[in-house]
Amino acid sequence: MNKLDWVNKRNLSMLADFYEFTMANGFLEYNLEDKIAYFDMFFRSIPEDGGFAIMAGVEQIIEYLKNLKFTDQDIEYFKSRNMFSHKFLEYLRNFKFSCDVWAVPEGTPIFPQEPVVIVRGPLVQAQLVETMILLTINHQSLVATKANRIVRAAKGRPVVEFGSRRAHSYDSAILGARAAYIGGCVGTANTISDRDYGIPALGTMAHSWVQLFPSELDAFRAYARTYPDNCYLLVDTYNTLRDGVPNAIKIFKEEIVPRGFRPKGIRIDSGDIAYLSKEARKLLDEAGFEDCTIMASSGLDEYIIEDLLKQGSQIDSFGVGERLITAKSQPVFSGVYKLTAVEENGKIIPKIKISSNVGKITTPGFKQIYRLFDKDTHKAIGDVVTEHDETIDESKPYEIFHPLFTWKRKTIKNFYAKKLLVQIFDKGNQVYESPDIEEIRKYCKDQLNTLWDEVKRFEKPHEYIVDLSQSIWEVKDRLLKENQ
C-alpha cells in the first residue's frame, strides 16, 4: 500500500472542529453556500523566539483536499444529531471541492503575520478545511523548525531523528520524521517513513540485544557476524569505558577487519557523554580505529548539543528523540486560519478582525508575498505582503516600512523580488505537483543559506523584516479607522 492508498482508505474529511459543520449548516440556511470567501493561514510567533520557521506539510494538504468527500456513514452521523437540515445533508452527499488554494512551498523559511496558505472558494468549503490545514501545517512546520535548530547546533555533524516511540501519535511519528528530514536530519529510526516517504531508515541495536546474550562480548560478536559491513555497537549497557569500548575494539579486530571491512561506529546512550566520548576516542585511536565514529543519543536537543561541542566532546553524529519529535521546549506552532475577504458582485471586499491585542489584528484582502533579495549577495532583505495582483518593479528603488511604526522606513536598491505563494488548486483541481522529498530538503537548505547568520542565532536573533505594501497598509488602516 503506498501513502496515497493509505490516505484514501482513511477518509479524514470528518477531522474538523464541530463548529465548522454547525456554521456550514447555518450558511446553507441563509443561502450563503456559494458566497466566495478568502481565508488566510498564518502564524503569530516563531517557536522559541527563533529567527524563522520552516514551511512543511503542503504535500499532505494536497492529499487531503484531493480526497475530500463525505460517506453515507458520515451523513448518517450528522442525521443522528438531529440538528442539521436536509439541505445540509444533501450538500455533503454531493460535495465536490472547488476552491482555489495557494501555499508557500515546503522548505521555505517563513515568518509571522504573512499568509502561508490562502483558500478562496465557496464559503462552506473554505471554512470546512480549516482544522486539517492548521493541524497539518502547524505540526510539520513545528518539527521541521525544531529539527533545523538541532541540525544547526550540530555544526555539520549528522543528526538522526530517533523520536517515534515518544511521538504523540502514529501520524506524529510518521509525518514528524518527514518534517525532520526536510529540516535537515539525515534519516530516521522510523521504518514506515522510509517505505512511504523515502526518508533513510537508520538504526543499530538496543540494550536488549546486549542483555539477551551471555555476555556483552557475545552480543557484539553476534551482531558483527550478522552485519560485518555496517557494524555499529552500543557500548553503554554495563560500563562504557571499562567494558563496552574495549569489547567493541576486540570484536572489530576479530570479526570485522579479518572480513575486509572497517567498523562503522559506536553509540553512547547514557552517562557523561562529553567525558565518555573523549575517552572512547582515545581508546579507538590507540587501537587503530581512527575512522570509527562515535554517535551520541539520550535526551539531546540543540542546547545540549551546543554545550557538548563547547566541552570538546568527540561526537561525530547525534540521535535525537523526544525533544525533536515533540518540539518539547515549545510544542505549539501558533498558526491560525482567518477570514480576510469576501466577494460581492465579483468585487473583493476586504475583511478584518480587530483586537486589543495588536498581534491578533488580521491583515485584510487577497494577498501575495514577495521576498526581496540583494542582487550582489543573494541574501534575503525582507518580505513584503502585497495585494495578490500587485507587482514590485525591480528596476526602481522600493521603499519598505514597518506596518505599525511607520516612521521606520528603508529604501531598497539593487534587488530582485520573488513571489512566494504558488497556486496548488484551481477550482478544486490540483495544478501543482509536490516535489520529491529530496528536492524539498535541498530547497530548504538552499533557502536557509539566503538568510543572514544574524537571523539564525538561537539567542536574540535579528528580527527579519515583514512589511506591508503601501496599498495593503492603506486598506488595513482604513478598516481599522472605520471600525473604531
Protein backbone atom coordinates (compact mmCIF):
# COMPACT_ATOMS: atom_id res chain seq x y z
CA MET A 1 0.00 0.00 0.00
CA ASN A 2 1.51 3.35 -0.97
CA LYS A 3 0.96 6.51 1.02
CA LEU A 4 -1.91 7.73 -1.15
CA ASP A 5 -3.72 4.37 -0.82
CA TRP A 6 -3.38 4.77 2.93
CA VAL A 7 -4.86 8.29 2.81
CA ASN A 8 -7.74 7.13 0.59
CA LYS A 9 -8.55 4.24 2.90
CA ARG A 10 -8.69 6.53 5.92
CA ASN A 11 -11.04 9.35 4.96
CA LEU A 12 -10.17 12.42 7.01
CA SER A 13 -13.00 14.68 5.86
CA MET A 14 -14.63 14.48 9.30
CA LEU A 15 -11.45 15.62 11.03
CA ALA A 16 -12.80 19.11 11.62
CA ASP A 17 -13.93 21.18 14.56
CA PHE A 18 -17.66 20.73 15.11
CA TYR A 19 -18.32 24.44 14.69
CA GLU A 20 -17.15 24.17 11.09
CA PHE A 21 -20.15 21.93 10.43
CA THR A 22 -22.63 23.92 12.51
CA MET A 23 -21.59 27.11 10.70
CA ALA A 24 -21.80 25.32 7.34
CA ASN A 25 -25.35 24.27 8.17
CA GLY A 26 -26.17 27.86 9.08
CA PHE A 27 -24.58 29.23 5.92
CA LEU A 28 -26.82 26.93 3.90
CA GLU A 29 -29.90 28.05 5.81
CA TYR A 30 -29.14 31.62 4.73
CA ASN A 31 -28.22 30.61 1.16
CA LEU A 32 -24.59 31.68 1.65
CA GLU A 33 -23.03 28.41 0.49
CA ASP A 34 -21.90 29.87 -2.86
CA LYS A 35 -20.60 33.16 -1.49
CA ILE A 36 -16.89 33.39 -2.31
CA ALA A 37 -14.68 33.81 0.74
CA TYR A 38 -10.93 34.17 1.28
CA PHE A 39 -9.17 32.62 4.26
CA ASP A 40 -5.51 33.01 5.26
CA MET A 41 -3.48 30.62 7.33
CA PHE A 42 -0.64 32.48 9.04
CA PHE A 43 1.22 32.16 12.33
CA ARG A 44 1.74 34.70 15.06
CA SER A 45 5.10 33.90 16.64
CA ILE A 46 8.22 31.86 15.91
CA PRO A 47 8.79 28.87 18.22
CA GLU A 48 11.31 29.52 20.99
CA ASP A 49 11.67 33.16 19.90
CA GLY A 50 13.75 31.99 16.97
CA GLY A 51 14.54 33.99 13.86
CA PHE A 52 12.43 31.99 11.39
CA ALA A 53 10.28 28.90 10.92
CA ILE A 54 10.25 26.36 8.08
CA MET A 55 7.18 25.61 5.96
CA ALA A 56 6.22 21.92 5.82
CA GLY A 57 3.13 19.80 5.21
CA VAL A 58 1.93 21.01 1.79
CA GLU A 59 2.06 17.51 0.27
CA GLN A 60 -0.33 16.24 2.95
CA ILE A 61 -2.68 19.20 2.38
CA ILE A 62 -2.81 18.26 -1.30
CA GLU A 63 -3.58 14.61 -0.47
CA TYR A 64 -6.32 15.67 1.94
CA LEU A 65 -8.01 18.12 -0.44
CA LYS A 66 -7.90 15.67 -3.36
CA ASN A 67 -9.78 13.12 -1.30
CA LEU A 68 -12.26 15.41 0.44
CA LYS A 69 -15.66 13.68 0.41
CA PHE A 70 -18.40 12.58 2.78
CA THR A 71 -19.57 8.99 3.06
CA ASP A 72 -23.01 7.59 3.85
CA GLN A 73 -21.71 6.84 7.33
CA ASP A 74 -20.70 10.49 7.79
CA ILE A 75 -24.12 11.70 6.67
CA GLU A 76 -25.88 9.24 8.96
CA TYR A 77 -23.83 10.63 11.85
CA PHE A 78 -24.99 14.19 11.14
CA LYS A 79 -28.56 12.99 10.72
CA SER A 80 -28.40 11.30 14.14
CA ARG A 81 -27.51 14.61 15.82
CA ASN A 82 -31.00 15.98 14.97
CA MET A 83 -29.68 19.49 14.40
CA PHE A 84 -28.66 19.55 10.74
CA SER A 85 -31.01 20.36 7.88
CA HIS A 86 -31.90 18.07 4.98
CA LYS A 87 -30.32 20.67 2.69
CA PHE A 88 -27.04 20.34 4.60
CA LEU A 89 -27.10 16.53 4.45
CA GLU A 90 -27.70 16.61 0.70
CA TYR A 91 -24.94 19.19 0.29
CA LEU A 92 -22.46 16.81 1.94
CA ARG A 93 -23.76 13.86 -0.08
CA ASN A 94 -22.98 15.73 -3.33
CA PHE A 95 -19.88 17.50 -2.02
CA LYS A 96 -17.17 18.37 -4.54
CA PHE A 97 -14.20 20.52 -3.53
CA SER A 98 -13.95 23.50 -5.87
CA CYS A 99 -11.73 26.04 -4.10
CA ASP A 100 -8.58 27.79 -5.29
CA VAL A 101 -5.63 27.27 -2.96
CA TRP A 102 -2.21 28.89 -2.76
CA ALA A 103 0.65 27.90 -0.48
CA VAL A 104 4.27 28.72 0.25
CA PRO A 105 6.38 25.75 -0.97
CA GLU A 106 7.69 23.33 1.63
CA GLY A 107 11.18 24.07 2.89
CA THR A 108 10.76 27.85 2.61
CA PRO A 109 11.74 29.97 5.64
CA ILE A 110 8.53 31.67 6.83
CA PHE A 111 7.77 34.50 9.22
CA PRO A 112 4.88 35.70 11.40
CA GLN A 113 1.87 37.58 10.03
CA GLU A 114 2.33 36.55 6.39
CA PRO A 115 -0.14 34.15 4.73
CA VAL A 116 1.46 30.73 4.16
CA VAL A 117 -1.79 29.19 2.82
CA ILE A 118 -4.67 31.03 1.13
CA VAL A 119 -8.01 29.39 0.34
CA ARG A 120 -10.52 31.08 -1.96
CA GLY A 121 -13.84 29.50 -2.76
CA PRO A 122 -17.42 28.81 -1.70
CA LEU A 123 -17.81 29.82 1.93
CA VAL A 124 -18.87 26.40 3.25
CA GLN A 125 -15.93 24.63 1.63
CA ALA A 126 -13.31 27.20 2.60
CA GLN A 127 -14.48 27.03 6.22
CA LEU A 128 -14.63 23.22 6.42
CA VAL A 129 -10.92 22.72 5.64
CA GLU A 130 -9.72 24.94 8.49
CA THR A 131 -8.78 22.28 11.04
CA MET A 132 -6.92 19.98 8.67
CA ILE A 133 -4.92 22.81 7.14
CA LEU A 134 -3.96 24.09 10.57
CA LEU A 135 -3.05 20.79 12.19
CA THR A 136 -1.08 19.66 9.14
CA ILE A 137 0.98 22.81 8.61
CA ASN A 138 1.30 23.57 12.33
CA HIS A 139 2.68 20.13 13.20
CA GLN A 140 5.11 19.64 10.35
CA SER A 141 6.35 23.24 10.37
CA LEU A 142 6.95 22.98 14.12
CA VAL A 143 9.00 19.78 13.79
CA ALA A 144 10.91 20.96 10.70
CA THR A 145 11.81 24.17 12.54
CA LYS A 146 12.95 22.32 15.67
CA ALA A 147 14.92 19.80 13.62
CA ASN A 148 16.74 22.57 11.82
CA ARG A 149 17.69 24.24 15.10
CA ILE A 150 19.19 20.94 16.25
CA VAL A 151 20.95 20.35 12.92
CA ARG A 152 22.49 23.83 13.04
CA ALA A 153 23.67 23.23 16.61
CA ALA A 154 25.43 20.05 15.42
CA LYS A 155 27.60 22.16 13.07
CA GLY A 156 27.75 19.75 10.16
CA ARG A 157 27.59 16.53 12.17
CA PRO A 158 24.75 14.24 11.04
CA VAL A 159 21.56 14.22 13.11
CA VAL A 160 19.18 11.24 13.01
CA GLU A 161 15.57 11.55 14.19
CA PHE A 162 15.05 8.95 16.95
CA GLY A 163 11.68 10.05 18.34
CA SER A 164 8.98 7.66 17.09
CA ARG A 165 8.28 5.98 20.42
CA ARG A 166 7.83 9.34 22.15
CA ALA A 167 5.72 10.99 19.46
CA HIS A 168 2.15 11.99 20.30
CA SER A 169 0.53 9.64 17.79
CA TYR A 170 1.17 7.38 14.82
CA ASP A 171 0.87 10.28 12.40
CA SER A 172 3.10 12.46 14.55
CA ALA A 173 5.81 9.82 14.32
CA ILE A 174 5.47 9.23 10.57
CA LEU A 175 4.98 12.80 9.41
CA GLY A 176 7.28 14.13 12.12
CA ALA A 177 10.08 12.06 10.57
CA ARG A 178 9.21 13.59 7.20
CA ALA A 179 9.33 17.11 8.62
CA ALA A 180 12.60 16.43 10.44
CA TYR A 181 14.17 15.28 7.18
CA ILE A 182 13.05 18.48 5.46
CA GLY A 183 14.60 20.40 8.35
CA GLY A 184 17.99 18.76 7.78
CA CYS A 185 18.11 15.43 9.62
CA VAL A 186 19.92 12.74 7.61
CA GLY A 187 17.45 9.99 8.44
CA THR A 188 15.02 8.50 10.93
CA ALA A 189 14.58 5.44 13.11
CA ASN A 190 11.02 5.18 11.74
CA THR A 191 10.85 2.40 9.14
CA ILE A 192 7.42 3.25 7.71
CA SER A 193 8.63 6.77 6.89
CA ASP A 194 11.34 5.21 4.75
CA ARG A 195 8.85 2.98 2.95
CA ASP A 196 6.26 5.70 2.34
CA TYR A 197 8.34 8.86 2.01
CA GLY A 198 11.86 7.68 1.14
CA ILE A 199 13.46 9.03 4.31
CA PRO A 200 16.50 6.82 5.08
CA ALA A 201 15.74 4.47 7.99
CA LEU A 202 18.79 4.10 10.22
CA GLY A 203 19.45 2.11 13.37
CA THR A 204 21.63 -0.48 15.04
CA MET A 205 20.72 -2.25 18.25
CA ALA A 206 19.01 -1.67 21.59
CA HIS A 207 20.29 -2.54 25.04
CA SER A 208 18.04 -5.60 24.94
CA TRP A 209 20.28 -7.14 22.26
CA VAL A 210 23.27 -6.91 24.58
CA GLN A 211 21.32 -8.13 27.61
CA LEU A 212 19.94 -11.22 25.87
CA PHE A 213 23.36 -12.77 25.23
CA PRO A 214 25.51 -14.44 27.92
CA SER A 215 27.93 -11.51 27.80
CA GLU A 216 28.43 -8.17 26.10
CA LEU A 217 31.28 -9.71 24.11
CA ASP A 218 28.97 -12.46 22.84
CA ALA A 219 26.36 -9.89 21.87
CA PHE A 220 28.87 -7.78 19.96
CA ARG A 221 30.29 -10.83 18.20
CA ALA A 222 26.85 -11.98 17.06
CA TYR A 223 26.00 -8.54 15.71
CA ALA A 224 29.34 -8.15 13.97
CA ARG A 225 28.93 -11.50 12.24
CA THR A 226 25.42 -10.55 11.13
CA TYR A 227 26.36 -7.07 9.86
CA PRO A 228 30.13 -7.05 9.22
CA ASP A 229 29.85 -4.29 6.60
CA ASN A 230 27.69 -1.99 8.76
CA CYS A 231 28.71 -2.62 12.34
CA TYR A 232 27.64 -0.09 14.97
CA LEU A 233 27.87 -1.24 18.58
CA LEU A 234 26.01 0.19 21.58
CA VAL A 235 28.68 0.35 24.28
CA ASP A 236 26.96 1.70 27.41
CA THR A 237 24.80 -1.25 28.58
CA TYR A 238 27.10 -2.09 31.50
CA ASN A 239 30.26 0.01 31.80
CA THR A 240 31.19 2.13 28.81
CA LEU A 241 34.93 2.59 29.31
CA ARG A 242 35.83 -0.48 31.34
CA ASP A 243 33.91 -2.99 29.19
CA GLY A 244 31.90 -1.52 26.32
CA VAL A 245 34.57 0.23 24.25
CA PRO A 246 37.31 -2.41 24.89
CA ASN A 247 34.86 -5.17 23.93
CA ALA A 248 33.92 -3.29 20.78
CA ILE A 249 37.59 -2.91 19.84
CA LYS A 250 38.20 -6.62 20.41
CA ILE A 251 35.28 -7.55 18.14
CA PHE A 252 36.35 -5.09 15.48
CA LYS A 253 39.77 -6.74 15.37
CA GLU A 254 38.48 -10.32 15.47
CA GLU A 255 35.32 -10.17 13.35
CA ILE A 256 35.25 -7.03 11.17
CA VAL A 257 38.78 -6.38 9.94
CA PRO A 258 39.52 -10.04 9.01
CA ARG A 259 36.44 -9.97 6.75
CA GLY A 260 37.82 -6.98 4.86
CA PHE A 261 35.61 -4.31 6.43
CA ARG A 262 36.05 -1.38 8.77
CA PRO A 263 33.84 -0.74 11.81
CA LYS A 264 31.27 1.98 11.32
CA GLY A 265 30.96 3.24 14.85
CA ILE A 266 29.90 3.02 18.46
CA ARG A 267 26.93 4.65 20.19
CA ILE A 268 26.83 6.09 23.70
CA ASP A 269 23.33 6.47 25.15
CA SER A 270 23.91 7.39 28.81
CA GLY A 271 26.32 8.87 31.30
CA ASP A 272 28.53 11.93 30.94
CA ILE A 273 28.59 11.86 27.16
CA ALA A 274 31.19 14.61 26.77
CA TYR A 275 33.70 12.80 29.02
CA LEU A 276 32.87 9.32 27.74
CA SER A 277 33.22 10.36 24.10
CA LYS A 278 36.65 11.89 24.69
CA GLU A 279 37.92 8.80 26.49
CA ALA A 280 36.35 6.47 23.94
CA ARG A 281 38.03 8.42 21.14
CA LYS A 282 41.43 7.87 22.76
CA LEU A 283 40.83 4.13 23.08
CA LEU A 284 39.63 3.78 19.49
CA ASP A 285 42.51 5.82 18.08
CA GLU A 286 45.10 3.88 20.08
CA ALA A 287 43.64 0.66 18.67
CA GLY A 288 43.96 1.93 15.08
CA PHE A 289 40.29 2.76 14.57
CA GLU A 290 40.57 6.49 13.93
CA ASP A 291 37.86 6.10 11.29
CA CYS A 292 35.36 4.57 13.75
CA THR A 293 32.71 7.20 14.51
CA ILE A 294 31.04 7.97 17.82
CA MET A 295 27.30 8.61 17.96
CA ALA A 296 25.57 10.13 20.99
CA SER A 297 21.91 9.86 21.93
CA SER A 298 19.83 10.27 25.14
CA GLY A 299 17.68 13.35 25.75
CA LEU A 300 19.50 15.68 23.36
CA ASP A 301 18.40 18.99 21.90
CA GLU A 302 20.13 22.00 20.33
CA TYR A 303 21.19 23.45 23.68
CA ILE A 304 22.72 20.22 25.00
CA ILE A 305 24.44 19.60 21.67
CA GLU A 306 25.88 23.12 21.72
CA ASP A 307 27.23 22.53 25.23
CA LEU A 308 28.68 19.12 24.31
CA LEU A 309 30.60 20.64 21.41
CA LYS A 310 31.84 23.55 23.55
CA GLN A 311 33.16 20.97 26.03
CA GLY A 312 35.27 19.37 23.31
CA SER A 313 33.30 16.15 23.12
CA GLN A 314 34.39 13.77 20.37
CA ILE A 315 30.96 13.09 18.90
CA ASP A 316 30.57 12.56 15.17
CA SER A 317 26.77 12.25 14.95
CA PHE A 318 23.66 12.59 17.08
CA GLY A 319 20.46 10.61 17.55
CA VAL A 320 17.77 12.98 18.81
CA GLY A 321 14.40 11.71 20.01
CA GLU A 322 11.64 13.15 22.16
CA ARG A 323 12.86 16.74 22.27
CA LEU A 324 12.83 16.84 18.47
CA ILE A 325 9.69 14.89 17.56
CA THR A 326 7.57 16.71 20.17
CA ALA A 327 9.42 20.05 19.94
CA LYS A 328 9.45 19.65 23.71
CA SER A 329 10.70 23.12 24.65
CA GLN A 330 7.76 24.76 22.82
CA PRO A 331 5.38 22.14 21.42
CA VAL A 332 2.86 24.52 19.80
CA PHE A 333 3.03 26.29 16.45
CA SER A 334 0.85 29.40 16.51
CA GLY A 335 -0.86 29.03 13.15
CA VAL A 336 -4.39 30.43 12.75
CA TYR A 337 -6.96 30.49 9.93
CA LYS A 338 -8.87 33.72 9.43
CA LEU A 339 -11.39 35.21 7.00
CA THR A 340 -9.74 38.08 5.11
CA ALA A 341 -12.17 38.91 2.28
CA VAL A 342 -15.42 38.03 0.52
CA GLU A 343 -16.67 38.68 -2.99
CA GLU A 344 -19.79 40.67 -3.74
CA ASN A 345 -20.87 41.06 -7.36
CA GLY A 346 -17.40 39.96 -8.43
CA LYS A 347 -15.65 42.59 -6.32
CA ILE A 348 -13.28 41.65 -3.48
CA ILE A 349 -14.41 43.17 -0.16
CA PRO A 350 -11.59 43.01 2.45
CA LYS A 351 -12.45 41.90 5.99
CA ILE A 352 -10.54 42.46 9.22
CA LYS A 353 -10.53 41.03 12.74
CA ILE A 354 -9.75 43.67 15.35
CA SER A 355 -8.41 43.01 18.84
CA SER A 356 -6.97 44.98 21.73
CA ASN A 357 -4.10 42.54 21.34
CA VAL A 358 -2.28 44.06 18.36
CA GLY A 359 -0.80 40.69 17.38
CA LYS A 360 -4.31 39.33 16.77
CA ILE A 361 -5.36 42.02 14.31
CA THR A 362 -5.52 40.44 10.86
CA THR A 363 -4.31 41.81 7.54
CA PRO A 364 -7.30 42.10 5.18
CA GLY A 365 -7.59 41.30 1.49
CA PHE A 366 -6.39 38.82 -1.12
CA LYS A 367 -2.60 38.80 -0.84
CA GLN A 368 0.76 37.72 -2.21
CA ILE A 369 4.18 37.64 -0.56
CA TYR A 370 7.32 38.95 -2.23
CA ARG A 371 10.76 38.11 -0.87
CA LEU A 372 13.34 40.74 -1.75
CA PHE A 373 16.94 39.62 -2.35
CA ASP A 374 20.15 41.60 -2.67
CA LYS A 375 21.49 41.18 -6.22
CA ASP A 376 25.12 41.03 -5.09
CA THR A 377 24.91 38.73 -2.07
CA HIS A 378 21.64 36.93 -2.93
CA LYS A 379 20.74 37.29 0.75
CA ALA A 380 17.12 37.92 1.71
CA ILE A 381 16.48 41.55 2.63
CA GLY A 382 12.90 41.12 3.80
CA ASP A 383 9.35 40.18 2.82
CA VAL A 384 6.56 42.41 1.59
CA VAL A 385 2.92 41.36 1.81
CA THR A 386 1.11 42.88 -1.17
CA GLU A 387 -2.24 42.69 -2.88
CA HIS A 388 -2.45 39.49 -4.92
CA ASP A 389 -2.15 41.15 -8.32
CA GLU A 390 0.34 43.79 -7.19
CA THR A 391 3.80 43.87 -8.79
CA ILE A 392 7.10 45.16 -7.49
CA ASP A 393 9.20 47.00 -10.07
CA GLU A 394 12.77 45.73 -9.64
CA SER A 395 14.15 48.48 -11.89
CA LYS A 396 13.34 51.21 -9.37
CA PRO A 397 14.19 51.79 -5.70
CA TYR A 398 11.47 50.33 -3.45
CA GLU A 399 10.56 51.76 -0.07
CA ILE A 400 9.55 49.42 2.71
CA PHE A 401 8.21 50.48 6.09
CA HIS A 402 7.16 48.92 9.38
CA PRO A 403 3.38 48.32 9.35
CA LEU A 404 2.99 49.58 12.95
CA PHE A 405 5.88 52.01 13.40
CA THR A 406 5.51 53.60 10.00
CA TRP A 407 8.37 56.08 10.53
CA LYS A 408 10.73 53.10 10.29
CA ARG A 409 11.45 53.17 6.57
CA LYS A 410 14.11 51.86 4.25
CA THR A 411 14.70 52.27 0.52
CA ILE A 412 15.83 49.08 -1.20
CA LYS A 413 18.05 49.27 -4.29
CA ASN A 414 19.85 46.69 -6.41
CA PHE A 415 17.39 43.94 -5.54
CA TYR A 416 15.21 41.29 -7.13
CA ALA A 417 11.83 40.07 -5.93
CA LYS A 418 10.43 36.54 -5.82
CA LYS A 419 6.78 35.59 -5.27
CA LEU A 420 6.43 33.02 -2.50
CA LEU A 421 2.82 31.83 -2.82
CA VAL A 422 2.18 29.31 -5.60
CA GLN A 423 -1.22 28.02 -6.67
CA ILE A 424 -1.81 24.37 -5.78
CA PHE A 425 -5.55 24.06 -6.62
CA ASP A 426 -7.59 25.82 -9.29
CA LYS A 427 -11.35 25.40 -8.79
CA GLY A 428 -10.71 22.17 -6.93
CA ASN A 429 -8.29 20.74 -9.49
CA GLN A 430 -4.70 20.10 -8.46
CA VAL A 431 -2.33 22.28 -10.53
CA TYR A 432 0.87 21.80 -8.52
CA GLU A 433 2.91 18.65 -8.09
CA SER A 434 4.66 18.36 -4.75
CA PRO A 435 8.40 17.92 -5.28
CA ASP A 436 10.28 14.80 -4.26
CA ILE A 437 11.33 14.81 -0.60
CA GLU A 438 15.00 15.11 -1.62
CA GLU A 439 14.19 18.18 -3.71
CA ILE A 440 12.30 19.75 -0.80
CA ARG A 441 15.18 19.04 1.58
CA LYS A 442 17.75 20.56 -0.80
CA TYR A 443 15.49 23.54 -1.48
CA CYS A 444 15.19 24.13 2.26
CA LYS A 445 18.96 24.07 2.70
CA ASP A 446 19.43 26.46 -0.23
CA GLN A 447 16.79 28.87 1.06
CA LEU A 448 18.26 28.89 4.55
CA ASN A 449 21.56 29.93 3.00
CA THR A 450 19.85 33.12 1.83
CA LEU A 451 19.28 34.19 5.45
CA TRP A 452 21.92 36.20 7.27
CA ASP A 453 23.60 34.43 10.18
CA GLU A 454 22.18 37.08 12.49
CA VAL A 455 18.65 35.83 11.69
CA LYS A 456 19.73 32.26 12.50
CA ARG A 457 21.04 32.98 16.02
CA PHE A 458 19.38 30.96 18.81
CA GLU A 459 19.55 33.82 21.29
CA LYS A 460 18.01 37.17 20.39
CA PRO A 461 18.10 36.70 16.61
CA HIS A 462 17.85 39.70 14.33
CA GLU A 463 14.18 40.39 13.54
CA TYR A 464 13.55 39.67 9.87
CA ILE A 465 11.58 42.36 8.06
CA VAL A 466 7.96 41.55 7.11
CA ASP A 467 6.27 44.69 5.84
CA LEU A 468 3.03 45.57 4.07
CA SER A 469 2.89 47.26 0.70
CA GLN A 470 1.51 50.78 0.68
CA SER A 471 -1.71 49.51 -0.91
CA ILE A 472 -2.35 46.75 1.66
CA TRP A 473 -1.40 49.08 4.53
CA GLU A 474 -3.93 51.67 3.36
CA VAL A 475 -6.71 49.06 3.24
CA LYS A 476 -5.86 47.87 6.75
CA ASP A 477 -5.59 51.41 8.10
CA ARG A 478 -8.95 52.35 6.57
CA LEU A 479 -10.74 49.33 8.04
CA LEU A 480 -9.23 49.95 11.46
CA LYS A 481 -10.46 53.54 11.41
CA GLU A 482 -13.91 52.57 10.13
CA ASN A 483 -14.35 50.09 12.97
CA GLN A 484 -13.11 52.28 15.81
